[in-house]
Amino acid sequence: MNRNLILFSGFMTMAVGAGLGFVLATLFQTPFRTGLYRDQKPGFVIVGGVGGFLFGCSMEVIRELKVRQDQEDDSSQQ
């Protein structure tokens, strides 16, 4: 498997996920004003980034395994 392509895909989707987390934290601000709820943007950005990284890496691994499986199926049918 191409490790560089997997990491690239993970980092690209991490950027998208972090951006979505930032936008969601900005749009849906909590009505609570205590110290725990005051600044939740870093939490949403981190969760979005980690989720995006895991999603991107897993989708790229699945895509590469599918290509490998299709190649093995084609070679076994001949």
N, C-alpha and C. Protein backbone atom coordinates (compact mmCIF):
# COMPACT_ATOMS: atom_id res chain seq x y z
N MET A 1 0.83 -1.18 0.00
CA MET A 1 0.00 0.00 0.00
C MET A 1 0.88 1.24 0.00
N ASN A 2 0.34 2.29 -0.56
CA ASN A 2 1.08 3.53 -0.69
C ASN A 2 0.85 4.39 0.57
N ARG A 3 1.81 4.36 1.46
CA ARG A 3 1.68 5.05 2.74
C ARG A 3 1.59 6.57 2.57
N ASN A 4 2.34 7.11 1.60
CA ASN A 4 2.29 8.55 1.36
C ASN A 4 0.92 9.01 0.88
N LEU A 5 0.29 8.23 0.03
CA LEU A 5 -1.04 8.57 -0.47
C LEU A 5 -2.08 8.48 0.64
N ILE A 6 -1.93 7.51 1.52
CA ILE A 6 -2.85 7.36 2.65
C ILE A 6 -2.73 8.56 3.59
N LEU A 7 -1.50 8.96 3.90
CA LEU A 7 -1.31 10.12 4.77
C LEU A 7 -1.78 11.41 4.11
N PHE A 8 -1.54 11.55 2.82
CA PHE A 8 -2.00 12.74 2.12
C PHE A 8 -3.52 12.84 2.16
N SER A 9 -4.18 11.73 1.91
CA SER A 9 -5.63 11.71 1.97
C SER A 9 -6.12 12.04 3.37
N GLY A 10 -5.45 11.50 4.38
CA GLY A 10 -5.81 11.78 5.76
C GLY A 10 -5.64 13.24 6.12
N PHE A 11 -4.56 13.85 5.69
CA PHE A 11 -4.32 15.26 6.02
C PHE A 11 -5.27 16.20 5.28
N MET A 12 -5.63 15.83 4.05
CA MET A 12 -6.58 16.68 3.32
C MET A 12 -7.96 16.64 3.97
N THR A 13 -8.42 15.46 4.33
CA THR A 13 -9.72 15.38 4.98
C THR A 13 -9.66 15.91 6.41
N MET A 14 -8.48 15.90 7.02
CA MET A 14 -8.33 16.50 8.34
C MET A 14 -8.54 18.01 8.24
N ALA A 15 -8.00 18.62 7.19
CA ALA A 15 -8.19 20.06 7.01
C ALA A 15 -9.66 20.40 6.79
N VAL A 16 -10.34 19.57 6.01
CA VAL A 16 -11.77 19.79 5.77
C VAL A 16 -12.56 19.60 7.07
N GLY A 17 -12.23 18.55 7.82
CA GLY A 17 -12.92 18.29 9.08
C GLY A 17 -12.69 19.38 10.10
N ALA A 18 -11.47 19.89 10.18
CA ALA A 18 -11.18 20.98 11.12
C ALA A 18 -11.92 22.24 10.71
N GLY A 19 -11.99 22.50 9.41
CA GLY A 19 -12.75 23.65 8.93
C GLY A 19 -14.22 23.53 9.25
N LEU A 20 -14.77 22.35 9.06
CA LEU A 20 -16.18 22.14 9.39
C LEU A 20 -16.42 22.27 10.89
N GLY A 21 -15.48 21.78 11.69
CA GLY A 21 -15.61 21.94 13.14
C GLY A 21 -15.59 23.39 13.55
N PHE A 22 -14.74 24.17 12.92
CA PHE A 22 -14.68 25.61 13.24
C PHE A 22 -15.97 26.31 12.83
N VAL A 23 -16.47 25.99 11.65
CA VAL A 23 -17.71 26.62 11.18
C VAL A 23 -18.88 26.23 12.08
N LEU A 24 -18.97 24.97 12.45
CA LEU A 24 -20.06 24.54 13.33
C LEU A 24 -19.96 25.19 14.70
N ALA A 25 -18.76 25.32 15.22
CA ALA A 25 -18.59 25.97 16.53
C ALA A 25 -18.95 27.44 16.47
N THR A 26 -18.73 28.08 15.33
CA THR A 26 -19.07 29.49 15.18
C THR A 26 -20.56 29.68 14.97
N LEU A 27 -21.18 28.82 14.17
CA LEU A 27 -22.60 28.97 13.87
C LEU A 27 -23.50 28.61 15.05
N PHE A 28 -23.16 27.54 15.74
CA PHE A 28 -24.02 27.03 16.81
C PHE A 28 -23.38 27.27 18.17
N GLN A 29 -23.34 28.52 18.57
CA GLN A 29 -22.76 28.85 19.86
C GLN A 29 -23.73 28.45 20.97
N THR A 30 -23.16 28.00 22.06
CA THR A 30 -23.98 27.55 23.18
C THR A 30 -24.55 28.75 23.95
N PRO A 31 -25.75 28.63 24.47
CA PRO A 31 -26.32 29.73 25.24
C PRO A 31 -25.75 29.83 26.65
N PHE A 32 -24.99 28.83 27.07
CA PHE A 32 -24.44 28.83 28.42
C PHE A 32 -23.19 29.69 28.49
N ARG A 33 -22.96 30.33 29.63
CA ARG A 33 -21.83 31.24 29.77
C ARG A 33 -20.87 30.85 30.88
N THR A 34 -20.94 29.63 31.36
CA THR A 34 -20.00 29.21 32.40
C THR A 34 -18.65 28.93 31.77
N GLY A 35 -17.65 28.75 32.59
CA GLY A 35 -16.29 28.53 32.10
C GLY A 35 -16.14 27.28 31.25
N LEU A 36 -16.94 26.27 31.55
CA LEU A 36 -16.85 25.02 30.80
C LEU A 36 -17.32 25.18 29.37
N TYR A 37 -18.35 26.00 29.15
CA TYR A 37 -18.95 26.13 27.84
C TYR A 37 -18.52 27.39 27.08
N ARG A 38 -17.74 28.24 27.70
CA ARG A 38 -17.45 29.55 27.11
C ARG A 38 -16.74 29.44 25.76
N ASP A 39 -15.68 28.67 25.68
CA ASP A 39 -14.90 28.61 24.44
C ASP A 39 -14.78 27.16 23.99
N GLN A 40 -15.67 26.73 23.12
CA GLN A 40 -15.66 25.35 22.65
C GLN A 40 -15.05 25.19 21.27
N LYS A 41 -14.60 26.27 20.65
CA LYS A 41 -14.06 26.17 19.29
C LYS A 41 -12.87 25.21 19.19
N PRO A 42 -11.89 25.26 20.09
CA PRO A 42 -10.78 24.32 19.94
C PRO A 42 -11.23 22.86 20.01
N GLY A 43 -12.21 22.57 20.84
CA GLY A 43 -12.69 21.20 20.93
C GLY A 43 -13.33 20.73 19.64
N PHE A 44 -14.16 21.57 19.03
CA PHE A 44 -14.81 21.19 17.79
C PHE A 44 -13.80 21.06 16.66
N VAL A 45 -12.79 21.92 16.64
CA VAL A 45 -11.77 21.85 15.59
C VAL A 45 -10.94 20.58 15.74
N ILE A 46 -10.59 20.23 16.96
CA ILE A 46 -9.80 19.01 17.19
C ILE A 46 -10.60 17.77 16.83
N VAL A 47 -11.85 17.72 17.28
CA VAL A 47 -12.69 16.56 16.97
C VAL A 47 -12.91 16.45 15.46
N GLY A 48 -13.17 17.57 14.80
CA GLY A 48 -13.34 17.55 13.35
C GLY A 48 -12.08 17.12 12.62
N GLY A 49 -10.93 17.59 13.09
CA GLY A 49 -9.67 17.22 12.45
C GLY A 49 -9.33 15.76 12.62
N VAL A 50 -9.49 15.25 13.83
CA VAL A 50 -9.19 13.83 14.08
C VAL A 50 -10.17 12.94 13.32
N GLY A 51 -11.44 13.32 13.36
CA GLY A 51 -12.43 12.54 12.61
C GLY A 51 -12.17 12.55 11.12
N GLY A 52 -11.80 13.71 10.59
CA GLY A 52 -11.48 13.80 9.17
C GLY A 52 -10.25 12.99 8.80
N PHE A 53 -9.24 13.02 9.67
CA PHE A 53 -8.02 12.25 9.39
C PHE A 53 -8.33 10.75 9.37
N LEU A 54 -9.06 10.28 10.36
CA LEU A 54 -9.40 8.85 10.40
C LEU A 54 -10.27 8.45 9.22
N PHE A 55 -11.23 9.30 8.87
CA PHE A 55 -12.11 9.00 7.74
C PHE A 55 -11.32 8.96 6.43
N GLY A 56 -10.45 9.95 6.21
CA GLY A 56 -9.68 9.99 4.97
C GLY A 56 -8.72 8.82 4.83
N CYS A 57 -8.03 8.49 5.92
CA CYS A 57 -7.10 7.35 5.87
C CYS A 57 -7.85 6.05 5.62
N SER A 58 -8.95 5.85 6.30
CA SER A 58 -9.68 4.60 6.13
C SER A 58 -10.27 4.48 4.74
N MET A 59 -10.78 5.58 4.18
CA MET A 59 -11.33 5.52 2.83
C MET A 59 -10.24 5.23 1.79
N GLU A 60 -9.05 5.78 1.98
CA GLU A 60 -7.97 5.52 1.03
C GLU A 60 -7.49 4.08 1.15
N VAL A 61 -7.41 3.55 2.35
CA VAL A 61 -7.01 2.15 2.52
C VAL A 61 -8.04 1.23 1.87
N ILE A 62 -9.32 1.52 2.07
CA ILE A 62 -10.37 0.70 1.45
C ILE A 62 -10.28 0.78 -0.06
N ARG A 63 -10.01 1.97 -0.60
CA ARG A 63 -9.90 2.10 -2.05
C ARG A 63 -8.72 1.30 -2.59
N GLU A 64 -7.58 1.35 -1.90
CA GLU A 64 -6.41 0.60 -2.35
C GLU A 64 -6.62 -0.90 -2.23
N LEU A 65 -7.28 -1.34 -1.16
CA LEU A 65 -7.56 -2.77 -1.02
C LEU A 65 -8.54 -3.25 -2.08
N LYS A 66 -9.48 -2.40 -2.45
CA LYS A 66 -10.43 -2.76 -3.51
C LYS A 66 -9.72 -2.92 -4.84
N VAL A 67 -8.79 -2.01 -5.15
CA VAL A 67 -8.03 -2.12 -6.39
C VAL A 67 -7.20 -3.39 -6.38
N ARG A 68 -6.57 -3.69 -5.26
CA ARG A 68 -5.76 -4.91 -5.15
C ARG A 68 -6.62 -6.16 -5.31
N GLN A 69 -7.79 -6.17 -4.69
CA GLN A 69 -8.69 -7.31 -4.79
C GLN A 69 -9.18 -7.50 -6.22
N ASP A 70 -9.51 -6.39 -6.90
CA ASP A 70 -9.94 -6.48 -8.29
C ASP A 70 -8.83 -7.01 -9.18
N GLN A 71 -7.58 -6.62 -8.93
CA GLN A 71 -6.46 -7.13 -9.72
C GLN A 71 -6.26 -8.62 -9.48
N GLU A 72 -6.41 -9.06 -8.23
CA GLU A 72 -6.27 -10.49 -7.94
C GLU A 72 -7.40 -11.29 -8.56
N ASP A 73 -8.60 -10.75 -8.56
CA ASP A 73 -9.74 -11.44 -9.17
C ASP A 73 -9.56 -11.56 -10.68
N ASP A 74 -9.05 -10.50 -11.32
CA ASP A 74 -8.82 -10.53 -12.75
C ASP A 74 -7.73 -11.54 -13.12
N SER A 75 -6.68 -11.61 -12.32
CA SER A 75 -5.59 -12.54 -12.62
C SER A 75 -6.00 -13.99 -12.36
N SER A 76 -6.88 -14.22 -11.41
CA SER A 76 -7.31 -15.59 -11.12
C SER A 76 -8.33 -16.08 -12.15
N GLN A 77 -9.04 -15.20 -12.82
CA GLN A 77 -10.02 -15.61 -13.82
C GLN A 77 -9.39 -15.95 -15.15
N GLN A 78 -8.18 -15.51 -15.37
CA GLN A 78 -7.52 -15.76 -16.67
C GLN A 78 -6.89 -17.10 -16.73
